[in-house]
Amino acid sequence: MATLPTNLDQAREQLMEARHKASPFVEKFARFGYAAKGSVYVVVGAIAGMAAIGARQGTTGSRGAMQTISRQPFGHVMLGIVACGLAGFGLWQFIRAIEDPEDEGADGKGIGRRIGFFGSGLLYFGLVWYAIGVITGAARGGGDDDAGARTWSATIMSYPMGQWLVFLIGCGIVCYGIFQLARAFRKHLGVPPRLGELDPQTHRMVMVIGRIGVAARGIVFGIVGVFLAMAAYHHNPTEARGIAGALDSLERQPYGPWLLGIVAVGVIAYGVYMLVLARYRRIKQQV
């Protein structure tokens, strides 16, 4: 009987040792993930900017960005690299949710943020699955994010109380968008990046780019949430929209091309900020 505690202690020590050895790989996965995420946002913003100036018809979202990447020279290779990066980012989000390396805590606010990290991880692994489908040819069509939003909202609404669940999800996304807008004007944009290696002027420029990007992302997510909530209110899944639909809705407003162009610049700025974070974000190596 005395050997049971000893065995447990040994198992705990082995687990801690394994986690310590994995820490450097976790940091590399996370940085690779931020770079891949930034690349996708830059493509989404660039396509929206082209639509704003009339250089192309329609905007796109994350799935459409992957389709665009796949159509370039060596596109499947580039998309495979992006997919690996997004998988790394999804893994990092799961670690943030479960292991809590950044000390979010176990109070209501901390639990809420960790649930958000977990949901984000699921979202990015969904994009990885879609990228695999594009590479293998299993994913057909043009990568319509709106179709995806309509499909999953219709599925949820087909269950009892599903309409209310979709409505609450929409409201939650609106709240997240408002939070992002507020965050853009706070002193710190989340975890402070390690920008001490940059000169003061470049540091200020990076922070301005980050604030513009976070604000634009907040606007886009807020619009997505409104569309989703209205789809649930009208019990009409066809009203649901993704990122592409949110950007398209801006173009249809008075001075739409100008609005779309401004937000497109912000989306590109967010992508650039993610690329900067890939290099300079503070990432705790212990997990």
Protein backbone atom coordinates (compact mmCIF):
# COMPACT_ATOMS: atom_id res chain seq x y z
CA MET A 1 0.00 0.00 0.00
CA ALA A 2 2.90 2.33 0.67
CA THR A 3 3.98 2.14 -2.95
CA LEU A 4 0.83 3.88 -4.25
CA PRO A 5 1.80 7.42 -3.16
CA THR A 6 5.32 6.81 -4.40
CA ASN A 7 4.07 5.72 -7.80
CA LEU A 8 1.79 8.76 -7.97
CA ASP A 9 4.69 11.07 -7.10
CA GLN A 10 6.83 9.47 -9.79
CA ALA A 11 4.06 9.78 -12.36
CA ARG A 12 3.59 13.44 -11.41
CA GLU A 13 7.32 14.10 -11.75
CA GLN A 14 7.39 12.40 -15.17
CA LEU A 15 4.40 14.45 -16.30
CA MET A 16 6.04 17.70 -15.16
CA GLU A 17 9.25 16.73 -16.95
CA ALA A 18 7.36 15.97 -20.16
CA ARG A 19 5.52 19.29 -19.94
CA HIS A 20 8.81 21.12 -19.37
CA LYS A 21 10.38 19.48 -22.43
CA ALA A 22 7.33 20.36 -24.54
CA SER A 23 7.40 24.05 -23.58
CA PRO A 24 9.79 25.26 -26.34
CA PHE A 25 7.70 23.46 -28.96
CA VAL A 26 4.53 25.09 -27.61
CA GLU A 27 6.09 28.52 -28.08
CA LYS A 28 7.14 27.70 -31.65
CA PHE A 29 3.65 26.38 -32.46
CA ALA A 30 2.08 29.53 -31.04
CA ARG A 31 4.35 31.90 -32.99
CA PHE A 32 3.84 29.93 -36.20
CA GLY A 33 0.11 30.12 -35.53
CA TYR A 34 0.08 33.90 -35.11
CA ALA A 35 1.94 34.22 -38.42
CA ALA A 36 -0.55 31.99 -40.23
CA LYS A 37 -3.53 33.81 -38.71
CA GLY A 38 -2.03 37.14 -39.74
CA SER A 39 -1.50 35.92 -43.30
CA VAL A 40 -5.17 34.92 -43.63
CA TYR A 41 -6.36 38.31 -42.37
CA VAL A 42 -4.05 40.15 -44.76
CA VAL A 43 -5.55 38.20 -47.69
CA VAL A 44 -9.12 38.87 -46.48
CA GLY A 45 -8.39 42.58 -46.09
CA ALA A 46 -6.62 42.83 -49.44
CA ILE A 47 -9.56 41.23 -51.27
CA ALA A 48 -11.99 43.57 -49.48
CA GLY A 49 -9.82 46.54 -50.47
CA MET A 50 -9.85 45.43 -54.10
CA ALA A 51 -13.65 45.17 -53.94
CA ALA A 52 -13.84 48.68 -52.47
CA ILE A 53 -11.96 50.22 -55.39
CA GLY A 54 -13.83 48.13 -57.97
CA ALA A 55 -10.88 45.90 -58.87
CA ARG A 56 -12.92 42.77 -58.17
CA GLN A 57 -16.47 41.71 -57.38
CA GLY A 58 -17.33 40.68 -53.83
CA THR A 59 -15.43 40.17 -50.61
CA THR A 60 -14.40 36.99 -48.85
CA GLY A 61 -13.75 35.50 -45.44
CA SER A 62 -11.30 33.00 -44.01
CA ARG A 63 -12.40 30.14 -46.26
CA GLY A 64 -12.32 32.30 -49.35
CA ALA A 65 -8.83 33.48 -48.38
CA MET A 66 -7.72 29.84 -48.32
CA GLN A 67 -9.20 29.29 -51.75
CA THR A 68 -7.32 32.36 -52.98
CA ILE A 69 -4.06 31.06 -51.54
CA SER A 70 -4.61 27.65 -53.14
CA ARG A 71 -4.97 29.23 -56.60
CA GLN A 72 -1.54 30.86 -56.50
CA PRO A 73 1.63 29.23 -57.88
CA PHE A 74 2.57 26.45 -55.45
CA GLY A 75 -0.76 27.28 -53.81
CA HIS A 76 -1.35 23.90 -52.22
CA VAL A 77 2.10 23.98 -50.66
CA MET A 78 1.49 27.48 -49.28
CA LEU A 79 -1.96 26.50 -48.04
CA GLY A 80 -0.49 23.42 -46.35
CA ILE A 81 1.97 25.67 -44.52
CA VAL A 82 -0.84 28.02 -43.48
CA ALA A 83 -2.93 25.03 -42.30
CA CYS A 84 -0.04 23.80 -40.15
CA GLY A 85 0.28 27.27 -38.66
CA LEU A 86 -3.45 27.48 -37.93
CA ALA A 87 -3.26 24.07 -36.26
CA GLY A 88 -0.46 25.43 -34.09
CA PHE A 89 -2.59 28.44 -33.18
CA GLY A 90 -5.54 26.21 -32.37
CA LEU A 91 -3.31 24.07 -30.15
CA TRP A 92 -2.06 27.19 -28.37
CA GLN A 93 -5.66 28.29 -27.74
CA PHE A 94 -6.47 24.89 -26.23
CA ILE A 95 -3.42 25.14 -23.97
CA ARG A 96 -4.47 28.65 -22.88
CA ALA A 97 -7.93 27.29 -22.07
CA ILE A 98 -6.89 24.14 -20.22
CA GLU A 99 -3.45 24.78 -18.73
CA ASP A 100 -3.92 28.55 -18.19
CA PRO A 101 -0.24 29.47 -18.65
CA GLU A 102 -1.12 33.18 -18.69
CA ASP A 103 -2.87 33.06 -15.30
CA GLU A 104 -6.35 34.05 -16.44
CA GLY A 105 -7.62 32.53 -13.21
CA ALA A 106 -10.65 30.48 -12.17
CA ASP A 107 -13.05 33.33 -11.35
CA GLY A 108 -16.00 34.17 -13.59
CA LYS A 109 -14.01 36.47 -15.87
CA GLY A 110 -11.12 34.04 -16.18
CA ILE A 111 -13.37 31.07 -16.90
CA GLY A 112 -15.21 33.11 -19.54
CA ARG A 113 -11.96 34.01 -21.29
CA ARG A 114 -10.75 30.41 -21.15
CA ILE A 115 -14.00 29.18 -22.66
CA GLY A 116 -13.46 31.74 -25.41
CA PHE A 117 -9.95 30.38 -26.01
CA PHE A 118 -11.35 26.86 -26.30
CA GLY A 119 -14.01 27.99 -28.78
CA SER A 120 -11.34 29.78 -30.78
CA GLY A 121 -9.30 26.58 -30.88
CA LEU A 122 -12.27 24.68 -32.27
CA LEU A 123 -12.82 27.40 -34.88
CA TYR A 124 -9.23 27.28 -36.11
CA PHE A 125 -9.14 23.51 -36.26
CA GLY A 126 -12.31 23.79 -38.34
CA LEU A 127 -10.38 26.03 -40.74
CA VAL A 128 -7.55 23.49 -40.79
CA TRP A 129 -10.05 20.79 -41.74
CA TYR A 130 -11.38 23.02 -44.52
CA ALA A 131 -7.84 23.69 -45.77
CA ILE A 132 -7.20 19.95 -45.93
CA GLY A 133 -10.39 19.63 -47.97
CA VAL A 134 -9.19 22.31 -50.40
CA ILE A 135 -5.82 20.60 -50.81
CA THR A 136 -7.33 17.14 -51.34
CA GLY A 137 -10.17 18.42 -53.51
CA ALA A 138 -12.84 17.33 -51.05
CA ALA A 139 -13.97 20.94 -50.44
CA ARG A 140 -15.99 22.14 -53.39
CA GLY A 141 -17.20 25.60 -54.30
CA GLY A 142 -15.69 29.00 -53.75
CA GLY A 143 -15.21 28.94 -50.01
CA ASP A 144 -18.41 30.77 -49.08
CA ASP A 145 -18.21 31.74 -45.39
CA ASP A 146 -21.84 32.88 -45.49
CA ALA A 147 -22.95 29.41 -46.58
CA GLY A 148 -21.11 27.94 -43.62
CA ALA A 149 -22.85 30.36 -41.23
CA ARG A 150 -26.23 29.53 -42.74
CA THR A 151 -25.59 25.79 -42.53
CA TRP A 152 -24.57 25.59 -38.89
CA SER A 153 -27.21 28.10 -37.73
CA ALA A 154 -29.91 26.12 -39.56
CA THR A 155 -28.65 22.92 -37.93
CA ILE A 156 -28.80 24.40 -34.44
CA MET A 157 -32.22 25.98 -35.04
CA SER A 158 -33.62 22.60 -36.04
CA TYR A 159 -33.33 21.44 -32.40
CA PRO A 160 -35.60 22.41 -29.50
CA MET A 161 -34.53 25.79 -28.10
CA GLY A 162 -32.05 26.03 -30.96
CA GLN A 163 -33.45 29.38 -32.06
CA TRP A 164 -32.71 30.85 -28.63
CA LEU A 165 -29.23 29.32 -28.64
CA VAL A 166 -28.39 30.90 -32.01
CA PHE A 167 -29.77 34.22 -30.74
CA LEU A 168 -27.56 34.03 -27.65
CA ILE A 169 -24.54 33.13 -29.78
CA GLY A 170 -25.24 36.14 -31.99
CA CYS A 171 -25.54 38.42 -28.97
CA GLY A 172 -22.32 36.97 -27.59
CA ILE A 173 -20.50 37.73 -30.85
CA VAL A 174 -21.87 41.30 -30.78
CA CYS A 175 -20.57 41.68 -27.22
CA TYR A 176 -17.21 40.32 -28.31
CA GLY A 177 -17.10 42.87 -31.14
CA ILE A 178 -17.88 45.69 -28.69
CA PHE A 179 -15.19 44.35 -26.37
CA GLN A 180 -12.68 44.43 -29.23
CA LEU A 181 -13.61 48.03 -30.04
CA ALA A 182 -13.16 49.03 -26.41
CA ARG A 183 -9.89 47.10 -26.23
CA ALA A 184 -8.55 49.04 -29.21
CA PHE A 185 -8.59 52.23 -27.13
CA ARG A 186 -7.22 50.75 -23.91
CA LYS A 187 -3.67 51.29 -22.71
CA HIS A 188 -2.69 47.68 -23.46
CA LEU A 189 -3.82 45.43 -26.30
CA GLY A 190 -4.02 42.26 -24.24
CA VAL A 191 -0.66 40.68 -23.42
CA PRO A 192 1.99 43.40 -24.00
CA PRO A 193 4.35 42.38 -26.84
CA ARG A 194 8.13 42.44 -26.40
CA LEU A 195 8.81 45.50 -28.53
CA GLY A 196 11.82 46.75 -26.58
CA GLU A 197 14.10 45.66 -29.42
CA LEU A 198 12.42 48.20 -31.71
CA ASP A 199 13.16 51.92 -31.81
CA PRO A 200 10.49 54.16 -30.20
CA GLN A 201 9.05 55.37 -33.51
CA THR A 202 8.58 51.82 -34.82
CA HIS A 203 7.10 50.80 -31.46
CA ARG A 204 4.50 53.56 -31.68
CA MET A 205 3.71 52.65 -35.27
CA VAL A 206 3.16 48.98 -34.36
CA MET A 207 0.78 49.94 -31.55
CA VAL A 208 -1.20 52.26 -33.84
CA ILE A 209 -1.47 49.48 -36.43
CA GLY A 210 -2.61 47.09 -33.72
CA ARG A 211 -5.30 49.46 -32.44
CA ILE A 212 -6.64 50.09 -35.95
CA GLY A 213 -6.68 46.37 -36.64
CA VAL A 214 -8.40 45.37 -33.40
CA ALA A 215 -11.05 48.08 -33.91
CA ALA A 216 -11.75 46.90 -37.47
CA ARG A 217 -12.03 43.30 -36.32
CA GLY A 218 -14.45 44.40 -33.63
CA ILE A 219 -16.64 46.10 -36.23
CA VAL A 220 -16.67 43.03 -38.47
CA PHE A 221 -17.50 40.64 -35.63
CA GLY A 222 -20.20 42.99 -34.36
CA ILE A 223 -21.90 42.94 -37.77
CA VAL A 224 -21.63 39.14 -37.96
CA GLY A 225 -23.26 38.88 -34.55
CA VAL A 226 -26.11 41.22 -35.52
CA PHE A 227 -26.85 39.16 -38.65
CA LEU A 228 -26.84 35.96 -36.60
CA ALA A 229 -29.13 37.37 -33.91
CA MET A 230 -31.56 38.67 -36.54
CA ALA A 231 -31.53 35.29 -38.30
CA ALA A 232 -32.54 33.66 -35.01
CA TYR A 233 -35.16 36.34 -34.24
CA HIS A 234 -36.80 35.82 -37.65
CA HIS A 235 -36.17 32.05 -37.49
CA ASN A 236 -34.57 32.37 -40.91
CA PRO A 237 -31.06 30.87 -41.18
CA THR A 238 -30.61 32.36 -44.65
CA GLU A 239 -30.10 35.75 -42.96
CA ALA A 240 -26.95 34.54 -41.21
CA ARG A 241 -23.69 35.92 -42.55
CA GLY A 242 -19.99 35.30 -42.05
CA ILE A 243 -17.08 37.71 -42.45
CA ALA A 244 -17.64 38.01 -46.20
CA GLY A 245 -21.30 38.92 -45.68
CA ALA A 246 -20.40 41.46 -43.01
CA LEU A 247 -17.96 43.17 -45.37
CA ASP A 248 -20.46 43.05 -48.24
CA SER A 249 -23.06 44.74 -46.01
CA LEU A 250 -20.70 47.67 -45.51
CA GLU A 251 -20.35 48.10 -49.26
CA ARG A 252 -24.14 48.38 -49.61
CA GLN A 253 -24.39 51.32 -47.20
CA PRO A 254 -24.25 54.99 -48.20
CA TYR A 255 -20.62 55.75 -49.03
CA GLY A 256 -20.22 51.98 -48.96
CA PRO A 257 -16.97 51.72 -50.93
CA TRP A 258 -15.38 54.21 -48.55
CA LEU A 259 -16.63 52.31 -45.49
CA LEU A 260 -15.48 49.01 -46.94
CA GLY A 261 -12.11 50.48 -47.88
CA ILE A 262 -11.54 51.84 -44.35
CA VAL A 263 -12.46 48.53 -42.72
CA ALA A 264 -10.37 46.63 -45.28
CA VAL A 265 -7.32 48.68 -44.30
CA GLY A 266 -8.12 47.85 -40.67
CA VAL A 267 -8.38 44.13 -41.41
CA ILE A 268 -5.00 44.25 -43.16
CA ALA A 269 -3.63 46.14 -40.16
CA TYR A 270 -4.87 43.39 -37.86
CA GLY A 271 -3.12 40.79 -40.01
CA VAL A 272 0.12 42.78 -39.88
CA TYR A 273 -0.23 43.09 -36.10
CA MET A 274 -0.59 39.31 -35.82
CA LEU A 275 2.60 38.94 -37.87
CA VAL A 276 4.36 41.26 -35.44
CA LEU A 277 3.03 39.25 -32.49
CA ALA A 278 4.39 36.11 -34.11
CA ARG A 279 7.83 37.57 -33.47
CA TYR A 280 7.40 39.69 -30.36
CA ARG A 281 4.44 38.40 -28.30
CA ARG A 282 5.22 37.35 -24.74
CA ILE A 283 4.52 33.62 -24.58
CA LYS A 284 5.10 31.80 -21.32
CA GLN A 285 6.92 28.58 -22.11
CA GLN A 286 5.64 26.66 -19.10
CA VAL A 287 2.41 24.77 -19.78
